[in-house]
Amino acid sequence: MRWDIFCRVIDNYGDIGVCWRLARQLVAEHGIAVRLWVDNVTSLQRICPDVDAFQEVQNCRGVEVRRWTEPLPELAPADVVIEAFGCELPENYVAAMVPTVSHSTGQAQSRLSLARGKVKRVWINLEYLSAEQWVEGCHGLPSPHPYLPMIKHFFFPGFTPMTGGLLREKGLLMQRDVLQHNLAELWCQLDLPLPISSETTISLFCYDSAPISNLLDAWAASTTAIRCLLPEGKALGQAANWAGRTGLAVGDSVQRGNLLLQIIPFLPQEHYDLLLWACDCNFVRGEDSFVRAQWAARPLIWQIYPQQENVHQIKLDAFLYRYCQGLAEEAVAALCTFHHNWNSGGCLDWNDFWQHHAELQSHAAAWAGQLAQLTDLASNLVSFCKNKVSSKNLNF
């Protein structure tokens, strides 16, 4: 049983972050042989240092990692093909997916037989995560190829049983609970000092388009002590300007008002999960860190990936509508206002938002528990593909 996952890196770590977690889970929990095709291996190396960015083909964590260059080498397509986030498969790979003449028998295997289900290959377009209601109606729908006898199915991650669910490894939440009950050990694993009891710890992972200076000003004026942990990356430029420095590097810290800003290394995926579990509040972006922050069961602020004509604001509101169910009206207003201003460059009233931290924390834990009742994305994908493939031809 073989799967191919194709990924083009768009925003550095979101797309490849999702694909790498999915590939590893398919291998570790479902015994599937996975080839991960990625056009930017350097981005993969950032979230998994075991990867060699200069290798064309390598095996890492049980996944065969291949650099995606075109034309793609001539090879047999996998039994299940995942086209992540509409990245569009290479033309020669798509052509190879279509049955050709069998020279050994001299008889042509009709391409029409594929449409009739006699060739058991599954082609999935793994879509971006959305909380919008229309996703439920489109999840799993077939999309016939315009001129080849092949069908692609749309697979939507989501927050309801009518969608594909979210990535969640076995034992993830149990591991989280153990470490959150032993914060000293958790901070030790991160190689960071244990916060003092009166200090609010916050992780900040955002696009460089975010109003970072406004946020740091708001934290400096906070009524309580704040320690912000900012991983190295493009956001350091704005942070350095705010601090009045020519630059910031790992290990640097800036104290202003009630804010202590500390620059930490960019973390591999597993360590980043620990950081989310350890902090009192997490600022995240895109899709991968967004989902992991929800599993952290901590209050979160999401910077959604900007889209033309402010389409992303509709997606943000759809998530907030779902997420805020059961939350008190004043806390909802504070949470939504902060999200909207963070995503649009408006005024950031941290004190107004964080006065609800106890209720936001309780709600975040309840939300994570609610999501945990759903089947995870990898298992849903395997089940979906199993139903599309004859067990006589492919052994799941």
Protein backbone atom coordinates (compact mmCIF):
# COMPACT_ATOMS: atom_id res chain seq x y z
CA MET A 1 0.00 0.00 0.00
CA ARG A 2 1.66 3.23 -1.19
CA TRP A 3 0.67 6.87 -0.89
CA ASP A 4 2.18 9.93 -2.60
CA ILE A 5 1.71 13.35 -0.96
CA PHE A 6 2.56 16.41 -3.06
CA CYS A 7 3.25 19.72 -1.32
CA ARG A 8 4.28 23.14 -2.61
CA VAL A 9 5.58 25.45 0.10
CA ILE A 10 3.57 28.69 0.03
CA ASP A 11 3.97 30.39 3.42
CA ASN A 12 7.17 28.70 4.62
CA TYR A 13 5.83 26.26 7.22
CA GLY A 14 2.02 25.92 7.15
CA ASP A 15 1.61 23.73 4.07
CA ILE A 16 4.63 21.56 4.70
CA GLY A 17 3.84 21.42 8.42
CA VAL A 18 0.46 19.83 7.73
CA CYS A 19 1.85 17.45 5.09
CA TRP A 20 4.77 16.35 7.27
CA ARG A 21 2.52 15.58 10.25
CA LEU A 22 0.11 13.71 7.98
CA ALA A 23 2.87 11.67 6.34
CA ARG A 24 4.42 10.66 9.66
CA GLN A 25 1.07 9.68 11.13
CA LEU A 26 0.14 7.57 8.11
CA VAL A 27 3.41 5.69 8.48
CA ALA A 28 3.43 5.33 12.27
CA GLU A 29 -0.23 4.58 12.94
CA HIS A 30 -1.54 3.05 9.71
CA GLY A 31 1.50 1.21 8.34
CA ILE A 32 1.34 3.01 5.00
CA ALA A 33 4.36 3.53 2.75
CA VAL A 34 4.48 7.28 2.06
CA ARG A 35 6.47 9.34 -0.42
CA LEU A 36 6.38 13.05 0.38
CA TRP A 37 7.15 15.29 -2.60
CA VAL A 38 8.10 18.82 -1.56
CA ASP A 39 9.50 21.63 -3.69
CA ASN A 40 11.29 23.35 -0.79
CA VAL A 41 13.16 20.81 1.32
CA THR A 42 14.82 23.60 3.32
CA SER A 43 11.46 24.55 4.85
CA LEU A 44 10.93 20.92 5.84
CA GLN A 45 14.36 20.84 7.45
CA ARG A 46 13.39 23.83 9.63
CA ILE A 47 10.56 21.89 11.26
CA CYS A 48 12.44 18.56 11.20
CA PRO A 49 16.23 19.01 11.55
CA ASP A 50 16.79 15.32 10.74
CA VAL A 51 16.04 16.13 7.10
CA ASP A 52 19.00 16.88 4.82
CA ALA A 53 18.05 19.89 2.70
CA PHE A 54 20.58 18.93 -0.01
CA GLN A 55 19.38 15.38 -0.64
CA GLU A 56 17.10 14.64 -3.60
CA VAL A 57 15.81 11.41 -2.02
CA GLN A 58 16.02 10.37 1.64
CA ASN A 59 14.20 8.45 4.34
CA CYS A 60 13.29 10.31 7.50
CA ARG A 61 11.02 9.10 10.32
CA GLY A 62 9.87 6.29 8.03
CA VAL A 63 8.80 8.72 5.27
CA GLU A 64 10.48 8.73 1.88
CA VAL A 65 11.16 12.42 1.23
CA ARG A 66 11.71 13.47 -2.39
CA ARG A 67 12.52 16.89 -3.81
CA TRP A 68 9.76 17.92 -6.20
CA THR A 69 11.32 19.10 -9.45
CA GLU A 70 9.79 19.11 -12.89
CA PRO A 71 9.64 17.19 -15.01
CA LEU A 72 9.21 14.57 -12.33
CA PRO A 73 11.29 11.39 -12.80
CA GLU A 74 9.44 8.61 -14.59
CA LEU A 75 7.98 6.35 -11.90
CA ALA A 76 4.85 4.43 -11.05
CA PRO A 77 2.21 6.55 -9.31
CA ALA A 78 1.10 5.48 -5.85
CA ASP A 79 -2.19 3.79 -5.03
CA VAL A 80 -3.40 6.93 -3.23
CA VAL A 81 -2.31 10.37 -4.44
CA ILE A 82 -2.73 13.42 -2.19
CA GLU A 83 -2.65 16.78 -3.94
CA ALA A 84 -2.23 19.06 -0.93
CA PHE A 85 -3.98 22.43 -1.03
CA GLY A 86 -4.58 22.44 -4.79
CA CYS A 87 -0.87 22.35 -5.63
CA GLU A 88 -1.52 20.69 -9.05
CA LEU A 89 0.26 17.46 -9.86
CA PRO A 90 3.04 17.34 -12.48
CA GLU A 91 1.66 16.66 -15.94
CA ASN A 92 3.80 13.58 -16.56
CA TYR A 93 2.72 12.11 -13.21
CA VAL A 94 -0.97 12.61 -14.07
CA ALA A 95 -0.37 10.99 -17.45
CA ALA A 96 1.23 8.02 -15.73
CA MET A 97 -1.87 7.61 -13.57
CA VAL A 98 -3.90 6.72 -16.65
CA PRO A 99 -3.72 3.04 -17.79
CA THR A 100 -1.84 2.48 -21.04
CA VAL A 101 -1.54 -0.32 -23.58
CA SER A 102 -0.25 -3.60 -22.16
CA HIS A 103 2.53 -4.65 -24.54
CA SER A 104 2.84 -8.07 -22.93
CA THR A 105 -0.62 -9.11 -24.04
CA GLY A 106 -1.01 -6.84 -27.03
CA GLN A 107 -4.40 -5.78 -25.69
CA ALA A 108 -5.29 -2.24 -24.68
CA GLN A 109 -6.61 -1.69 -21.22
CA SER A 110 -9.49 0.65 -21.92
CA ARG A 111 -9.21 4.02 -20.27
CA LEU A 112 -12.93 3.84 -19.86
CA SER A 113 -12.37 1.02 -17.38
CA LEU A 114 -10.94 3.56 -14.95
CA ALA A 115 -14.20 5.47 -14.91
CA ARG A 116 -15.98 2.19 -14.30
CA GLY A 117 -13.89 1.56 -11.22
CA LYS A 118 -11.68 -1.26 -12.51
CA VAL A 119 -8.46 0.66 -11.89
CA LYS A 120 -8.24 1.20 -8.16
CA ARG A 121 -6.33 4.43 -7.64
CA VAL A 122 -7.57 7.27 -5.43
CA TRP A 123 -6.81 10.92 -6.14
CA ILE A 124 -7.45 13.35 -3.27
CA ASN A 125 -7.34 17.13 -3.25
CA LEU A 126 -6.64 17.88 0.43
CA GLU A 127 -8.13 21.33 0.96
CA TYR A 128 -7.36 24.09 3.43
CA LEU A 129 -9.05 24.04 6.82
CA SER A 130 -12.21 26.10 7.14
CA ALA A 131 -15.04 26.40 9.66
CA GLU A 132 -17.46 27.67 7.01
CA GLN A 133 -20.75 25.79 6.82
CA TRP A 134 -20.54 25.09 3.07
CA VAL A 135 -17.51 22.85 3.65
CA GLU A 136 -19.74 20.07 5.00
CA GLY A 137 -21.65 19.91 1.71
CA CYS A 138 -18.50 19.82 -0.42
CA HIS A 139 -16.45 17.38 1.65
CA GLY A 140 -15.85 14.16 -0.26
CA LEU A 141 -17.41 15.36 -3.52
CA PRO A 142 -16.01 13.91 -6.78
CA SER A 143 -14.52 16.10 -9.48
CA PRO A 144 -14.11 14.34 -12.86
CA HIS A 145 -11.00 15.27 -14.82
CA PRO A 146 -11.95 17.52 -17.78
CA TYR A 147 -10.57 15.11 -20.42
CA LEU A 148 -9.03 12.07 -18.72
CA PRO A 149 -11.12 9.22 -17.27
CA MET A 150 -10.12 9.98 -13.69
CA ILE A 151 -11.89 11.38 -10.65
CA LYS A 152 -10.46 13.61 -7.96
CA HIS A 153 -12.18 13.87 -4.58
CA PHE A 154 -12.20 16.98 -2.42
CA PHE A 155 -11.30 16.32 1.19
CA PHE A 156 -11.91 19.13 3.68
CA PRO A 157 -10.42 19.20 7.18
CA GLY A 158 -12.90 20.69 9.61
CA PHE A 159 -14.51 20.98 13.00
CA THR A 160 -17.60 18.77 12.59
CA PRO A 161 -18.36 15.06 11.93
CA MET A 162 -19.43 16.02 8.40
CA THR A 163 -15.86 17.05 7.51
CA GLY A 164 -12.47 15.32 7.50
CA GLY A 165 -11.55 16.37 11.04
CA LEU A 166 -8.16 17.59 12.29
CA LEU A 167 -4.71 16.04 12.50
CA ARG A 168 -4.26 14.44 15.92
CA GLU A 169 -1.79 11.69 16.72
CA LYS A 170 -2.62 8.88 19.12
CA GLY A 171 -1.64 9.72 22.65
CA LEU A 172 -1.11 13.42 21.89
CA LEU A 173 -3.61 14.73 24.41
CA MET A 174 -2.52 12.29 27.10
CA GLN A 175 1.07 13.47 26.67
CA ARG A 176 -0.12 17.07 26.85
CA ASP A 177 -2.05 16.47 30.08
CA VAL A 178 0.91 14.78 31.77
CA LEU A 179 3.28 17.63 30.95
CA GLN A 180 0.81 20.41 31.73
CA HIS A 181 0.50 18.90 35.21
CA ASN A 182 4.29 19.07 35.52
CA LEU A 183 5.18 22.49 34.15
CA ALA A 184 8.68 22.42 35.62
CA GLU A 185 9.48 19.37 33.47
CA LEU A 186 7.81 20.97 30.47
CA TRP A 187 9.91 24.15 30.66
CA CYS A 188 13.00 22.02 31.30
CA GLN A 189 12.40 20.11 28.06
CA LEU A 190 12.19 23.46 26.28
CA ASP A 191 15.45 24.53 27.92
CA LEU A 192 13.74 27.70 29.17
CA PRO A 193 13.45 29.03 32.74
CA LEU A 194 10.31 28.29 34.71
CA PRO A 195 8.11 31.42 34.78
CA ILE A 196 7.30 33.10 38.09
CA SER A 197 3.75 32.65 39.32
CA SER A 198 2.68 36.24 38.63
CA GLU A 199 3.95 36.18 35.04
CA THR A 200 1.83 35.54 31.95
CA THR A 201 3.79 33.62 29.31
CA ILE A 202 2.89 34.08 25.65
CA SER A 203 4.24 32.53 22.46
CA LEU A 204 4.18 34.81 19.41
CA PHE A 205 4.22 33.22 15.94
CA CYS A 206 2.89 35.53 13.23
CA TYR A 207 3.39 36.87 9.73
CA ASP A 208 5.57 39.95 9.39
CA SER A 209 2.44 41.83 8.21
CA ALA A 210 0.98 41.68 11.73
CA PRO A 211 0.84 44.89 13.86
CA ILE A 212 3.66 43.60 16.07
CA SER A 213 4.73 46.98 17.43
CA ASN A 214 1.16 47.73 18.52
CA LEU A 215 1.01 44.39 20.33
CA LEU A 216 4.32 44.88 22.10
CA ASP A 217 3.22 48.36 23.20
CA ALA A 218 0.00 46.88 24.58
CA TRP A 219 1.94 44.28 26.52
CA ALA A 220 4.38 46.85 27.87
CA ALA A 221 1.35 48.72 29.22
CA SER A 222 -0.22 45.56 30.66
CA THR A 223 -1.45 45.62 34.24
CA THR A 224 0.40 42.33 34.84
CA ALA A 225 3.88 41.04 34.00
CA ILE A 226 4.21 39.39 30.58
CA ARG A 227 6.98 37.25 29.12
CA CYS A 228 6.72 36.95 25.33
CA LEU A 229 8.67 34.16 23.60
CA LEU A 230 9.30 35.12 19.99
CA PRO A 231 10.95 32.50 17.73
CA GLU A 232 13.55 33.74 15.23
CA GLY A 233 12.04 34.59 11.88
CA LYS A 234 10.78 37.46 9.75
CA ALA A 235 8.88 39.02 12.67
CA LEU A 236 12.21 39.91 14.30
CA GLY A 237 12.55 42.94 12.03
CA GLN A 238 9.49 44.66 13.45
CA ALA A 239 10.42 43.62 16.98
CA ALA A 240 13.89 45.11 16.57
CA ASN A 241 12.46 48.40 15.28
CA TRP A 242 10.11 48.51 18.27
CA ALA A 243 13.06 47.93 20.63
CA GLY A 244 15.13 50.60 18.89
CA ARG A 245 17.79 48.12 17.83
CA THR A 246 19.37 47.33 14.50
CA GLY A 247 18.54 43.68 14.97
CA LEU A 248 17.59 40.92 17.40
CA ALA A 249 19.01 37.40 17.64
CA VAL A 250 18.39 34.22 19.59
CA GLY A 251 19.16 34.80 23.26
CA ASP A 252 18.42 38.54 23.16
CA SER A 253 15.85 40.01 25.51
CA VAL A 254 14.17 43.40 25.82
CA GLN A 255 12.47 44.76 28.93
CA ARG A 256 9.96 47.57 28.56
CA GLY A 257 7.26 48.33 31.08
CA ASN A 258 5.62 45.08 32.14
CA LEU A 259 6.89 43.21 29.08
CA LEU A 260 9.94 40.99 28.85
CA LEU A 261 10.50 40.03 25.21
CA GLN A 262 12.78 37.02 24.70
CA ILE A 263 14.03 35.72 21.36
CA ILE A 264 14.16 31.93 21.17
CA PRO A 265 15.29 29.54 18.41
CA PHE A 266 12.88 28.43 15.72
CA LEU A 267 11.61 25.13 17.11
CA PRO A 268 11.08 21.74 15.44
CA GLN A 269 7.45 20.61 15.38
CA GLU A 270 7.63 18.42 18.49
CA HIS A 271 9.25 21.17 20.58
CA TYR A 272 6.86 23.78 19.24
CA ASP A 273 3.98 21.65 20.51
CA LEU A 274 5.61 21.71 23.95
CA LEU A 275 5.88 25.50 23.81
CA LEU A 276 2.17 25.79 23.04
CA TRP A 277 1.36 23.50 25.97
CA ALA A 278 3.57 25.51 28.33
CA CYS A 279 2.40 29.04 27.57
CA ASP A 280 -0.67 30.75 29.02
CA CYS A 281 -1.70 32.17 25.63
CA ASN A 282 -0.55 31.44 22.08
CA PHE A 283 -0.48 33.70 19.04
CA VAL A 284 -0.47 31.49 15.95
CA ARG A 285 -0.81 31.83 12.21
CA GLY A 286 -1.91 29.93 9.10
CA GLU A 287 -3.13 26.38 9.60
CA ASP A 288 -0.61 24.04 11.23
CA SER A 289 0.19 26.13 14.32
CA PHE A 290 -3.49 27.12 14.50
CA VAL A 291 -4.60 23.49 14.90
CA ARG A 292 -1.81 22.67 17.34
CA ALA A 293 -2.74 25.64 19.49
CA GLN A 294 -6.25 24.26 19.80
CA TRP A 295 -4.89 20.90 20.98
CA ALA A 296 -2.82 22.83 23.54
CA ALA A 297 -6.09 23.72 25.33
CA ARG A 298 -4.87 27.27 25.95
CA PRO A 299 -6.39 30.62 24.90
CA LEU A 300 -5.25 31.53 21.40
CA ILE A 301 -5.16 34.40 18.95
CA TRP A 302 -5.09 33.45 15.28
CA GLN A 303 -3.62 35.44 12.42
CA ILE A 304 -5.28 33.98 9.37
CA TYR A 305 -3.45 33.88 6.04
CA PRO A 306 -4.41 37.10 4.17
CA GLN A 307 -6.38 36.68 0.94
CA GLN A 308 -7.55 39.06 -1.76
CA GLU A 309 -10.81 40.97 -1.24
CA ASN A 310 -10.62 40.12 2.49
CA VAL A 311 -11.99 36.63 1.91
CA HIS A 312 -9.95 35.53 4.95
CA GLN A 313 -12.13 37.68 7.21
CA ILE A 314 -15.13 35.50 6.32
CA LYS A 315 -13.14 32.41 7.31
CA LEU A 316 -12.02 34.07 10.54
CA ASP A 317 -15.60 34.96 11.48
CA ALA A 318 -16.78 31.43 10.67
CA PHE A 319 -14.23 30.00 13.08
CA LEU A 320 -14.97 32.53 15.81
CA TYR A 321 -18.68 31.77 15.52
CA ARG A 322 -18.06 28.07 16.12
CA TYR A 323 -15.36 28.55 18.73
CA CYS A 324 -17.33 31.04 20.83
CA GLN A 325 -20.38 28.83 21.35
CA GLY A 326 -20.95 28.54 25.11
CA LEU A 327 -18.64 31.46 25.98
CA ALA A 328 -20.04 34.37 28.01
CA GLU A 329 -21.09 37.41 25.98
CA GLU A 330 -18.45 39.79 27.36
CA ALA A 331 -15.66 37.28 26.78
CA VAL A 332 -16.93 36.68 23.22
CA ALA A 333 -16.86 40.42 22.51
CA ALA A 334 -13.31 40.77 23.86
CA LEU A 335 -12.05 37.70 21.98
CA CYS A 336 -13.61 38.69 18.65
CA THR A 337 -12.52 42.32 18.92
CA PHE A 338 -8.92 41.35 19.61
CA HIS A 339 -8.92 38.85 16.72
CA HIS A 340 -10.32 41.37 14.27
CA ASN A 341 -7.91 44.11 15.29
CA TRP A 342 -4.93 41.75 15.23
CA ASN A 343 -5.85 40.74 11.67
CA SER A 344 -6.59 44.28 10.45
CA GLY A 345 -4.07 46.45 12.30
CA GLY A 346 -6.58 48.01 14.69
CA CYS A 347 -6.18 49.03 18.32
CA LEU A 348 -5.12 46.14 20.58
CA ASP A 349 -6.57 46.39 24.09
CA TRP A 350 -4.76 43.55 25.83
CA ASN A 351 -6.04 44.38 29.31
CA ASP A 352 -9.66 44.24 28.12
CA PHE A 353 -9.02 40.87 26.48
CA TRP A 354 -6.96 39.24 29.22
CA GLN A 355 -9.30 40.15 32.06
CA HIS A 356 -11.32 37.16 30.84
CA HIS A 357 -8.32 34.79 30.93
CA ALA A 358 -9.80 32.37 33.47
CA GLU A 359 -12.95 31.87 31.41
CA LEU A 360 -10.97 31.74 28.17
CA GLN A 361 -8.75 29.02 29.64
CA SER A 362 -11.71 26.93 30.75
CA HIS A 363 -13.33 27.36 27.35
CA ALA A 364 -10.15 26.40 25.47
CA ALA A 365 -9.92 23.15 27.42
CA ALA A 366 -13.59 22.37 26.76
CA TRP A 367 -13.16 23.14 23.04
CA ALA A 368 -10.18 20.80 22.76
CA GLY A 369 -12.16 18.08 24.50
CA GLN A 370 -15.05 18.59 22.10
CA LEU A 371 -12.77 18.33 19.05
CA ALA A 372 -11.17 15.19 20.48
CA GLN A 373 -14.53 13.40 20.11
CA LEU A 374 -14.13 13.59 16.33
CA THR A 375 -12.16 11.06 14.30
CA ASP A 376 -8.76 12.46 13.34
CA LEU A 377 -7.93 13.59 9.80
CA ALA A 378 -5.43 10.82 8.97
CA SER A 379 -7.86 8.07 10.05
CA ASN A 380 -10.68 9.68 8.09
CA LEU A 381 -8.48 9.82 5.00
CA VAL A 382 -7.54 6.16 5.32
CA SER A 383 -11.16 5.15 5.80
CA PHE A 384 -12.32 7.27 2.86
CA CYS A 385 -9.70 5.82 0.53
CA LYS A 386 -10.39 2.29 1.75
CA ASN A 387 -14.00 2.70 0.69
CA LYS A 388 -12.86 3.83 -2.75
CA VAL A 389 -10.50 0.93 -3.30
CA SER A 390 -11.34 -2.74 -3.65
CA SER A 391 -9.84 -4.70 -0.75
CA LYS A 392 -9.13 -7.46 -3.28
CA ASN A 393 -6.63 -5.23 -5.08
CA LEU A 394 -5.13 -3.24 -2.22
CA ASN A 395 -4.42 -4.48 1.27
CA PHE A 396 -5.09 -1.80 3.89
